[in-house]
Amino acid sequence: MPLLEVERVVARYAELDILQGISLAVEAGTLVTLLGPNGAGKSTLLKAVIGLLPPRQGRVRFDDHDTTVATPEAKVAAGIGFVPQLANVFPSLTIMENLDVSLPATGPRAAGQRAVEEVLEFFPVLGQKRFLRAGVLSGGERQMLAIGRALVARPRLVLLDEPTAALSPIVARRIMSQILRIRAAGTAILMVEQNARLALSVADHAYVLDMGRNALDGTGPALLDDPRVQELYLGGGGGWAEASH
């Protein structure tokens, strides 16, 4: 049984269906990436999974439980972390304060403090700057903090919305290496990523979305070698799938 199952999900903003019957699965401990042009529904799908945009049709299951209409708070408590692309840290708070406010409301305080220290050990640069305000951090450091805020709840699945957006190629690869360490530790990842070549090079499985529907899917290496993907998404025409930001 997959850790996460999305079955024929339809979701809309106002009167427009952005997702038009998308299905996917994420196995425990794997990295799955979502690719596609702007407007394909990638970020919308993450919002449907975490509960910010409840599906109009279809079903979402996590850990063999129907979570289609569960609230975001309930999904976080069940073991899903979410890192949005924008507004993902509190600039006026320090690194420590950002992590502290992200701890679950229930549970022993000592366990929460251990979780915070684990995140600071995982991202040493955050540990070194723990008393600095998030607003003065570099783009890469802010992204590490945003991911760390999700990790303090020790999720089984993390949803990442364009974690390398607006980062230099060197910093993007550094962030991706940290994401791979998270997967290696046993946490599953569902990631939206515009950097198609980088994403496919590390993904266990990938889904290509187009106009709110499934277009292609397969292993990362298989899609990298797929002539359709190379022509449409990995070509040199300066499209959305170029290998650097």
C-alpha atoms as a PDB file:
ATOM      1  CA  MET A   1       0.000   0.000   0.000  1.00  0.00           C
ATOM      2  CA  PRO A   2       1.535   3.377  -0.988  1.00  0.00           C
ATOM      3  CA  LEU A   3       2.076   5.881   1.786  1.00  0.00           C
ATOM      4  CA  LEU A   4       0.159   8.505  -0.238  1.00  0.00           C
ATOM      5  CA  GLU A   5      -2.487   7.859  -2.884  1.00  0.00           C
ATOM      6  CA  VAL A   6      -4.172  10.546  -4.965  1.00  0.00           C
ATOM      7  CA  GLU A   7      -7.061   9.146  -6.987  1.00  0.00           C
ATOM      8  CA  ARG A   8      -8.719  11.109  -9.813  1.00  0.00           C
ATOM      9  CA  VAL A   9      -8.655  14.376  -7.866  1.00  0.00           C
ATOM     10  CA  VAL A  10     -10.538  17.380  -9.205  1.00  0.00           C
ATOM     11  CA  ALA A  11     -10.031  20.748  -7.491  1.00  0.00           C
ATOM     12  CA  ARG A  12     -10.901  24.283  -8.464  1.00  0.00           C
ATOM     13  CA  TYR A  13     -10.363  27.950  -7.767  1.00  0.00           C
ATOM     14  CA  ALA A  14     -13.626  29.887  -8.097  1.00  0.00           C
ATOM     15  CA  GLU A  15     -15.391  28.214 -11.031  1.00  0.00           C
ATOM     16  CA  LEU A  16     -12.294  26.893 -12.813  1.00  0.00           C
ATOM     17  CA  ASP A  17     -11.127  23.302 -12.373  1.00  0.00           C
ATOM     18  CA  ILE A  18      -7.324  23.430 -12.100  1.00  0.00           C
ATOM     19  CA  LEU A  19      -6.950  19.711 -11.350  1.00  0.00           C
ATOM     20  CA  GLN A  20      -8.966  17.564 -13.727  1.00  0.00           C
ATOM     21  CA  GLY A  21      -8.672  14.016 -12.452  1.00  0.00           C
ATOM     22  CA  ILE A  22      -5.017  13.659 -11.404  1.00  0.00           C
ATOM     23  CA  SER A  23      -3.797  10.402  -9.851  1.00  0.00           C
ATOM     24  CA  LEU A  24      -0.429   9.514  -8.325  1.00  0.00           C
ATOM     25  CA  ALA A  25       1.190   7.444  -5.602  1.00  0.00           C
ATOM     26  CA  VAL A  26       4.156   7.930  -3.284  1.00  0.00           C
ATOM     27  CA  GLU A  27       5.771   4.908  -1.673  1.00  0.00           C
ATOM     28  CA  ALA A  28       7.263   5.183   1.808  1.00  0.00           C
ATOM     29  CA  GLY A  29      10.829   6.477   1.790  1.00  0.00           C
ATOM     30  CA  THR A  30      10.854   7.529  -1.875  1.00  0.00           C
ATOM     31  CA  LEU A  31      11.273  10.834  -3.686  1.00  0.00           C
ATOM     32  CA  VAL A  32       8.582  11.617  -6.246  1.00  0.00           C
ATOM     33  CA  THR A  33       8.742  14.769  -8.340  1.00  0.00           C
ATOM     34  CA  LEU A  34       6.026  16.678 -10.205  1.00  0.00           C
ATOM     35  CA  LEU A  35       6.981  18.379 -13.455  1.00  0.00           C
ATOM     36  CA  GLY A  36       5.123  20.402 -16.026  1.00  0.00           C
ATOM     37  CA  PRO A  37       4.676  23.900 -17.446  1.00  0.00           C
ATOM     38  CA  ASN A  38       3.308  26.805 -15.449  1.00  0.00           C
ATOM     39  CA  GLY A  39      -0.400  26.341 -14.858  1.00  0.00           C
ATOM     40  CA  ALA A  40      -0.230  22.541 -15.074  1.00  0.00           C
ATOM     41  CA  GLY A  41      -1.584  22.166 -11.537  1.00  0.00           C
ATOM     42  CA  LYS A  42       1.561  21.104  -9.668  1.00  0.00           C
ATOM     43  CA  SER A  43       1.363  23.478  -6.714  1.00  0.00           C
ATOM     44  CA  THR A  44      -2.409  23.154  -6.656  1.00  0.00           C
ATOM     45  CA  LEU A  45      -2.020  19.409  -6.229  1.00  0.00           C
ATOM     46  CA  LEU A  46       0.200  19.901  -3.174  1.00  0.00           C
ATOM     47  CA  LYS A  47      -2.437  22.211  -1.685  1.00  0.00           C
ATOM     48  CA  ALA A  48      -5.091  19.547  -2.306  1.00  0.00           C
ATOM     49  CA  VAL A  49      -2.945  16.924  -0.578  1.00  0.00           C
ATOM     50  CA  ILE A  50      -2.264  19.078   2.501  1.00  0.00           C
ATOM     51  CA  GLY A  51      -5.878  20.278   2.724  1.00  0.00           C
ATOM     52  CA  LEU A  52      -5.563  23.938   1.733  1.00  0.00           C
ATOM     53  CA  LEU A  53      -7.760  23.280  -1.321  1.00  0.00           C
ATOM     54  CA  PRO A  54     -10.118  20.363  -0.594  1.00  0.00           C
ATOM     55  CA  PRO A  55     -10.841  18.239  -3.689  1.00  0.00           C
ATOM     56  CA  ARG A  56     -14.213  18.649  -5.352  1.00  0.00           C
ATOM     57  CA  GLN A  57     -14.019  15.068  -6.591  1.00  0.00           C
ATOM     58  CA  GLY A  58     -11.671  12.145  -6.087  1.00  0.00           C
ATOM     59  CA  ARG A  59      -9.869  10.870  -3.020  1.00  0.00           C
ATOM     60  CA  VAL A  60      -6.639  11.398  -1.070  1.00  0.00           C
ATOM     61  CA  ARG A  61      -5.366   8.622   1.194  1.00  0.00           C
ATOM     62  CA  PHE A  62      -2.406   8.838   3.559  1.00  0.00           C
ATOM     63  CA  ASP A  63      -1.101   5.844   5.491  1.00  0.00           C
ATOM     64  CA  ASP A  64      -4.193   3.882   4.391  1.00  0.00           C
ATOM     65  CA  HIS A  65      -6.590   6.476   5.840  1.00  0.00           C
ATOM     66  CA  ASP A  66      -8.936   8.675   3.826  1.00  0.00           C
ATOM     67  CA  THR A  67      -7.722  12.246   4.349  1.00  0.00           C
ATOM     68  CA  THR A  68      -9.602  13.867   1.473  1.00  0.00           C
ATOM     69  CA  VAL A  69     -11.470  16.378   3.627  1.00  0.00           C
ATOM     70  CA  ALA A  70      -9.138  16.464   6.645  1.00  0.00           C
ATOM     71  CA  THR A  71      -7.876  19.869   7.751  1.00  0.00           C
ATOM     72  CA  PRO A  72      -4.242  20.902   7.219  1.00  0.00           C
ATOM     73  CA  GLU A  73      -3.713  20.710  10.986  1.00  0.00           C
ATOM     74  CA  ALA A  74      -5.002  17.132  11.060  1.00  0.00           C
ATOM     75  CA  LYS A  75      -2.771  16.163   8.142  1.00  0.00           C
ATOM     76  CA  VAL A  76       0.304  17.643   9.803  1.00  0.00           C
ATOM     77  CA  ALA A  77      -0.566  15.741  12.976  1.00  0.00           C
ATOM     78  CA  ALA A  78      -0.917  12.561  10.891  1.00  0.00           C
ATOM     79  CA  GLY A  79       2.619  12.941   9.554  1.00  0.00           C
ATOM     80  CA  ILE A  80       2.603  15.235   6.493  1.00  0.00           C
ATOM     81  CA  GLY A  81       4.894  18.260   6.321  1.00  0.00           C
ATOM     82  CA  PHE A  82       4.433  21.092   3.827  1.00  0.00           C
ATOM     83  CA  VAL A  83       6.986  23.640   2.621  1.00  0.00           C
ATOM     84  CA  PRO A  84       5.342  26.278   0.392  1.00  0.00           C
ATOM     85  CA  GLN A  85       7.403  28.183  -2.134  1.00  0.00           C
ATOM     86  CA  LEU A  86       6.592  31.610  -0.682  1.00  0.00           C
ATOM     87  CA  ALA A  87       6.092  32.915   2.865  1.00  0.00           C
ATOM     88  CA  ASN A  88       7.677  29.790   4.319  1.00  0.00           C
ATOM     89  CA  VAL A  89       9.567  31.423   7.223  1.00  0.00           C
ATOM     90  CA  PHE A  90       8.891  34.273   9.660  1.00  0.00           C
ATOM     91  CA  PRO A  91      11.511  36.937   8.742  1.00  0.00           C
ATOM     92  CA  SER A  92      11.221  38.824  12.038  1.00  0.00           C
ATOM     93  CA  LEU A  93      11.833  35.704  14.160  1.00  0.00           C
ATOM     94  CA  THR A  94      15.176  34.060  14.800  1.00  0.00           C
ATOM     95  CA  ILE A  95      16.027  30.620  13.456  1.00  0.00           C
ATOM     96  CA  MET A  96      15.339  29.115  16.884  1.00  0.00           C
ATOM     97  CA  GLU A  97      12.015  30.934  17.172  1.00  0.00           C
ATOM     98  CA  ASN A  98      10.976  29.781  13.674  1.00  0.00           C
ATOM     99  CA  LEU A  99      11.661  26.175  14.669  1.00  0.00           C
ATOM    100  CA  ASP A 100      10.027  26.480  18.088  1.00  0.00           C
ATOM    101  CA  VAL A 101       6.750  27.839  16.719  1.00  0.00           C
ATOM    102  CA  SER A 102       6.642  24.946  14.239  1.00  0.00           C
ATOM    103  CA  LEU A 103       6.647  22.275  16.944  1.00  0.00           C
ATOM    104  CA  PRO A 104       3.436  20.290  17.443  1.00  0.00           C
ATOM    105  CA  ALA A 105       1.133  21.829  20.031  1.00  0.00           C
ATOM    106  CA  THR A 106       0.925  18.526  21.892  1.00  0.00           C
ATOM    107  CA  GLY A 107       3.628  16.194  23.133  1.00  0.00           C
ATOM    108  CA  PRO A 108       6.478  16.383  25.640  1.00  0.00           C
ATOM    109  CA  ARG A 109       8.489  19.592  25.523  1.00  0.00           C
ATOM    110  CA  ALA A 110      11.741  17.667  25.821  1.00  0.00           C
ATOM    111  CA  ALA A 111      10.929  15.689  22.681  1.00  0.00           C
ATOM    112  CA  GLY A 112      10.272  18.924  20.821  1.00  0.00           C
ATOM    113  CA  GLN A 113      13.571  20.383  21.938  1.00  0.00           C
ATOM    114  CA  ARG A 114      15.364  17.249  20.714  1.00  0.00           C
ATOM    115  CA  ALA A 115      13.636  17.597  17.351  1.00  0.00           C
ATOM    116  CA  VAL A 116      14.835  21.203  17.062  1.00  0.00           C
ATOM    117  CA  GLU A 117      18.407  20.205  17.910  1.00  0.00           C
ATOM    118  CA  GLU A 118      18.252  17.405  15.336  1.00  0.00           C
ATOM    119  CA  VAL A 119      17.284  19.929  12.650  1.00  0.00           C
ATOM    120  CA  LEU A 120      20.137  22.239  13.681  1.00  0.00           C
ATOM    121  CA  GLU A 121      22.555  19.308  13.475  1.00  0.00           C
ATOM    122  CA  PHE A 122      21.134  18.325  10.080  1.00  0.00           C
ATOM    123  CA  PHE A 123      21.662  21.878   8.783  1.00  0.00           C
ATOM    124  CA  PRO A 124      24.884  22.982  10.550  1.00  0.00           C
ATOM    125  CA  VAL A 125      24.750  26.494   9.084  1.00  0.00           C
ATOM    126  CA  LEU A 126      21.431  27.013  10.881  1.00  0.00           C
ATOM    127  CA  GLY A 127      22.950  25.816  14.131  1.00  0.00           C
ATOM    128  CA  GLN A 128      25.784  28.305  13.763  1.00  0.00           C
ATOM    129  CA  LYS A 129      23.335  31.163  13.157  1.00  0.00           C
ATOM    130  CA  ARG A 130      20.508  30.018  15.420  1.00  0.00           C
ATOM    131  CA  PHE A 131      20.017  33.425  17.055  1.00  0.00           C
ATOM    132  CA  LEU A 132      19.926  35.426  13.808  1.00  0.00           C
ATOM    133  CA  ARG A 133      16.619  36.625  12.404  1.00  0.00           C
ATOM    134  CA  ALA A 134      15.429  34.703   9.356  1.00  0.00           C
ATOM    135  CA  GLY A 135      15.144  37.922   7.370  1.00  0.00           C
ATOM    136  CA  VAL A 136      18.925  38.313   7.154  1.00  0.00           C
ATOM    137  CA  LEU A 137      19.607  34.782   5.885  1.00  0.00           C
ATOM    138  CA  SER A 138      20.628  34.018   2.305  1.00  0.00           C
ATOM    139  CA  GLY A 139      18.119  32.412  -0.038  1.00  0.00           C
ATOM    140  CA  GLY A 140      19.608  28.965   0.460  1.00  0.00           C
ATOM    141  CA  GLU A 141      19.675  29.336   4.245  1.00  0.00           C
ATOM    142  CA  ARG A 142      16.055  30.451   4.285  1.00  0.00           C
ATOM    143  CA  GLN A 143      15.116  27.384   2.261  1.00  0.00           C
ATOM    144  CA  MET A 144      16.962  25.143   4.717  1.00  0.00           C
ATOM    145  CA  LEU A 145      15.061  26.808   7.557  1.00  0.00           C
ATOM    146  CA  ALA A 146      11.749  26.352   5.752  1.00  0.00           C
ATOM    147  CA  ILE A 147      12.469  22.645   5.311  1.00  0.00           C
ATOM    148  CA  GLY A 148      13.660  22.429   8.908  1.00  0.00           C
ATOM    149  CA  ARG A 149      10.372  23.907  10.120  1.00  0.00           C
ATOM    150  CA  ALA A 150       8.569  21.000   8.478  1.00  0.00           C
ATOM    151  CA  LEU A 151      11.019  18.429   9.835  1.00  0.00           C
ATOM    152  CA  VAL A 152      10.658  19.332  13.518  1.00  0.00           C
ATOM    153  CA  ALA A 153       7.305  17.516  13.538  1.00  0.00           C
ATOM    154  CA  ARG A 154       9.121  14.371  12.296  1.00  0.00           C
ATOM    155  CA  PRO A 155       6.802  13.801   9.298  1.00  0.00           C
ATOM    156  CA  ARG A 156       6.670  10.619   7.254  1.00  0.00           C
ATOM    157  CA  LEU A 157       6.010  12.635   4.074  1.00  0.00           C
ATOM    158  CA  VAL A 158       7.186  16.131   3.145  1.00  0.00           C
ATOM    159  CA  LEU A 159       5.614  18.192   0.357  1.00  0.00           C
ATOM    160  CA  LEU A 160       8.116  20.597  -1.217  1.00  0.00           C
ATOM    161  CA  ASP A 161       6.975  23.355  -3.572  1.00  0.00           C
ATOM    162  CA  GLU A 162       9.901  24.388  -5.822  1.00  0.00           C
ATOM    163  CA  PRO A 163      12.666  24.169  -3.198  1.00  0.00           C
ATOM    164  CA  THR A 164      15.353  25.427  -5.623  1.00  0.00           C
ATOM    165  CA  ALA A 165      13.391  28.376  -7.054  1.00  0.00           C
ATOM    166  CA  ALA A 166      15.463  31.576  -7.487  1.00  0.00           C
ATOM    167  CA  LEU A 167      18.629  29.873  -6.219  1.00  0.00           C
ATOM    168  CA  SER A 168      21.925  29.741  -8.078  1.00  0.00           C
ATOM    169  CA  PRO A 169      22.829  26.368  -9.640  1.00  0.00           C
ATOM    170  CA  ILE A 170      25.439  25.715  -6.943  1.00  0.00           C
ATOM    171  CA  VAL A 171      23.034  26.463  -4.097  1.00  0.00           C
ATOM    172  CA  ALA A 172      20.243  24.526  -5.833  1.00  0.00           C
ATOM    173  CA  ARG A 173      22.425  21.427  -5.958  1.00  0.00           C
ATOM    174  CA  ARG A 174      23.319  21.922  -2.292  1.00  0.00           C
ATOM    175  CA  ILE A 175      19.642  22.074  -1.338  1.00  0.00           C
ATOM    176  CA  MET A 176      18.935  18.995  -3.452  1.00  0.00           C
ATOM    177  CA  SER A 177      21.699  17.073  -1.689  1.00  0.00           C
ATOM    178  CA  GLN A 178      20.019  17.885   1.636  1.00  0.00           C
ATOM    179  CA  ILE A 179      16.707  16.668   0.237  1.00  0.00           C
ATOM    180  CA  LEU A 180      18.373  13.390  -0.703  1.00  0.00           C
ATOM    181  CA  ARG A 181      19.653  13.057   2.868  1.00  0.00           C
ATOM    182  CA  ILE A 182      16.090  13.484   4.110  1.00  0.00           C
ATOM    183  CA  ARG A 183      14.969  10.671   1.823  1.00  0.00           C
ATOM    184  CA  ALA A 184      17.896   8.507   2.935  1.00  0.00           C
ATOM    185  CA  ALA A 185      16.711   8.947   6.526  1.00  0.00           C
ATOM    186  CA  GLY A 186      13.391   7.343   5.550  1.00  0.00           C
ATOM    187  CA  THR A 187      11.132  10.350   4.924  1.00  0.00           C
ATOM    188  CA  ALA A 188       9.119  10.274   1.698  1.00  0.00           C
ATOM    189  CA  ILE A 189       9.098  13.424  -0.450  1.00  0.00           C
ATOM    190  CA  LEU A 190       6.640  14.753  -3.016  1.00  0.00           C
ATOM    191  CA  MET A 191       8.355  17.658  -4.751  1.00  0.00           C
ATOM    192  CA  VAL A 192       7.263  20.229  -7.312  1.00  0.00           C
ATOM    193  CA  GLU A 193      10.324  21.318  -9.268  1.00  0.00           C
ATOM    194  CA  GLN A 194      10.851  23.447 -12.374  1.00  0.00           C
ATOM    195  CA  ASN A 195      14.446  22.299 -12.724  1.00  0.00           C
ATOM    196  CA  ALA A 196      13.464  19.173 -14.632  1.00  0.00           C
ATOM    197  CA  ARG A 197      16.905  17.793 -15.369  1.00  0.00           C
ATOM    198  CA  LEU A 198      18.053  18.053 -11.761  1.00  0.00           C
ATOM    199  CA  ALA A 199      14.767  16.690 -10.420  1.00  0.00           C
ATOM    200  CA  LEU A 200      14.681  13.673 -12.737  1.00  0.00           C
ATOM    201  CA  SER A 201      18.298  12.853 -11.924  1.00  0.00           C
ATOM    202  CA  VAL A 202      17.382  12.237  -8.268  1.00  0.00           C
ATOM    203  CA  ALA A 203      13.737  11.101  -8.402  1.00  0.00           C
ATOM    204  CA  ASP A 204      12.630   7.545  -7.756  1.00  0.00           C
ATOM    205  CA  HIS A 205       9.493   8.309  -9.751  1.00  0.00           C
ATOM    206  CA  ALA A 206       8.183  11.357 -11.593  1.00  0.00           C
ATOM    207  CA  TYR A 207       4.865  12.577 -12.937  1.00  0.00           C
ATOM    208  CA  VAL A 208       4.541  15.083 -15.751  1.00  0.00           C
ATOM    209  CA  LEU A 209       1.346  17.125 -15.546  1.00  0.00           C
ATOM    210  CA  ASP A 210      -0.247  19.157 -18.304  1.00  0.00           C
ATOM    211  CA  MET A 211      -3.429  21.230 -18.134  1.00  0.00           C
ATOM    212  CA  GLY A 212      -4.423  19.650 -14.828  1.00  0.00           C
ATOM    213  CA  ARG A 213      -4.099  16.080 -16.068  1.00  0.00           C
ATOM    214  CA  ASN A 214      -1.551  13.274 -15.977  1.00  0.00           C
ATOM    215  CA  ALA A 215       0.597  13.395 -19.108  1.00  0.00           C
ATOM    216  CA  LEU A 216       3.511  11.017 -18.449  1.00  0.00           C
ATOM    217  CA  ASP A 217       5.021   9.123 -15.549  1.00  0.00           C
ATOM    218  CA  GLY A 218       7.891   6.768 -14.880  1.00  0.00           C
ATOM    219  CA  THR A 219      11.155   6.466 -13.017  1.00  0.00           C
ATOM    220  CA  GLY A 220      13.438   9.475 -13.059  1.00  0.00           C
ATOM    221  CA  PRO A 221      16.077   7.791 -15.265  1.00  0.00           C
ATOM    222  CA  ALA A 222      13.423   6.467 -17.658  1.00  0.00           C
ATOM    223  CA  LEU A 223      11.901   9.911 -18.188  1.00  0.00           C
ATOM    224  CA  LEU A 224      15.337  11.457 -18.635  1.00  0.00           C
ATOM    225  CA  ASP A 225      15.870   9.033 -21.531  1.00  0.00           C
ATOM    226  CA  ASP A 226      12.317   9.343 -22.919  1.00  0.00           C
ATOM    227  CA  PRO A 227      12.439  11.105 -26.345  1.00  0.00           C
ATOM    228  CA  ARG A 228       9.108  12.828 -25.635  1.00  0.00           C
ATOM    229  CA  VAL A 229      10.425  14.317 -22.405  1.00  0.00           C
ATOM    230  CA  GLN A 230      13.696  15.330 -24.041  1.00  0.00           C
ATOM    231  CA  GLU A 231      11.885  17.079 -26.885  1.00  0.00           C
ATOM    232  CA  LEU A 232       9.149  18.762 -24.855  1.00  0.00           C
ATOM    233  CA  TYR A 233      10.820  19.460 -21.532  1.00  0.00           C
ATOM    234  CA  LEU A 234      14.590  19.017 -21.741  1.00  0.00           C
ATOM    235  CA  GLY A 235      15.356  20.751 -25.011  1.00  0.00           C
ATOM    236  CA  GLY A 236      17.592  23.766 -25.442  1.00  0.00           C
ATOM    237  CA  GLY A 237      14.831  26.183 -26.344  1.00  0.00           C
ATOM    238  CA  GLY A 238      14.894  28.038 -23.038  1.00  0.00           C
ATOM    239  CA  GLY A 239      11.640  26.512 -21.787  1.00  0.00           C
ATOM    240  CA  TRP A 240      10.513  25.801 -18.253  1.00  0.00           C
ATOM    241  CA  ALA A 241      12.733  22.726 -17.929  1.00  0.00           C
ATOM    242  CA  GLU A 242      16.105  24.349 -18.376  1.00  0.00           C
ATOM    243  CA  ALA A 243      18.680  22.931 -15.998  1.00  0.00           C
ATOM    244  CA  SER A 244      19.465  26.087 -14.032  1.00  0.00           C
ATOM    245  CA  HIS A 245      17.633  29.039 -12.487  1.00  0.00           C
END
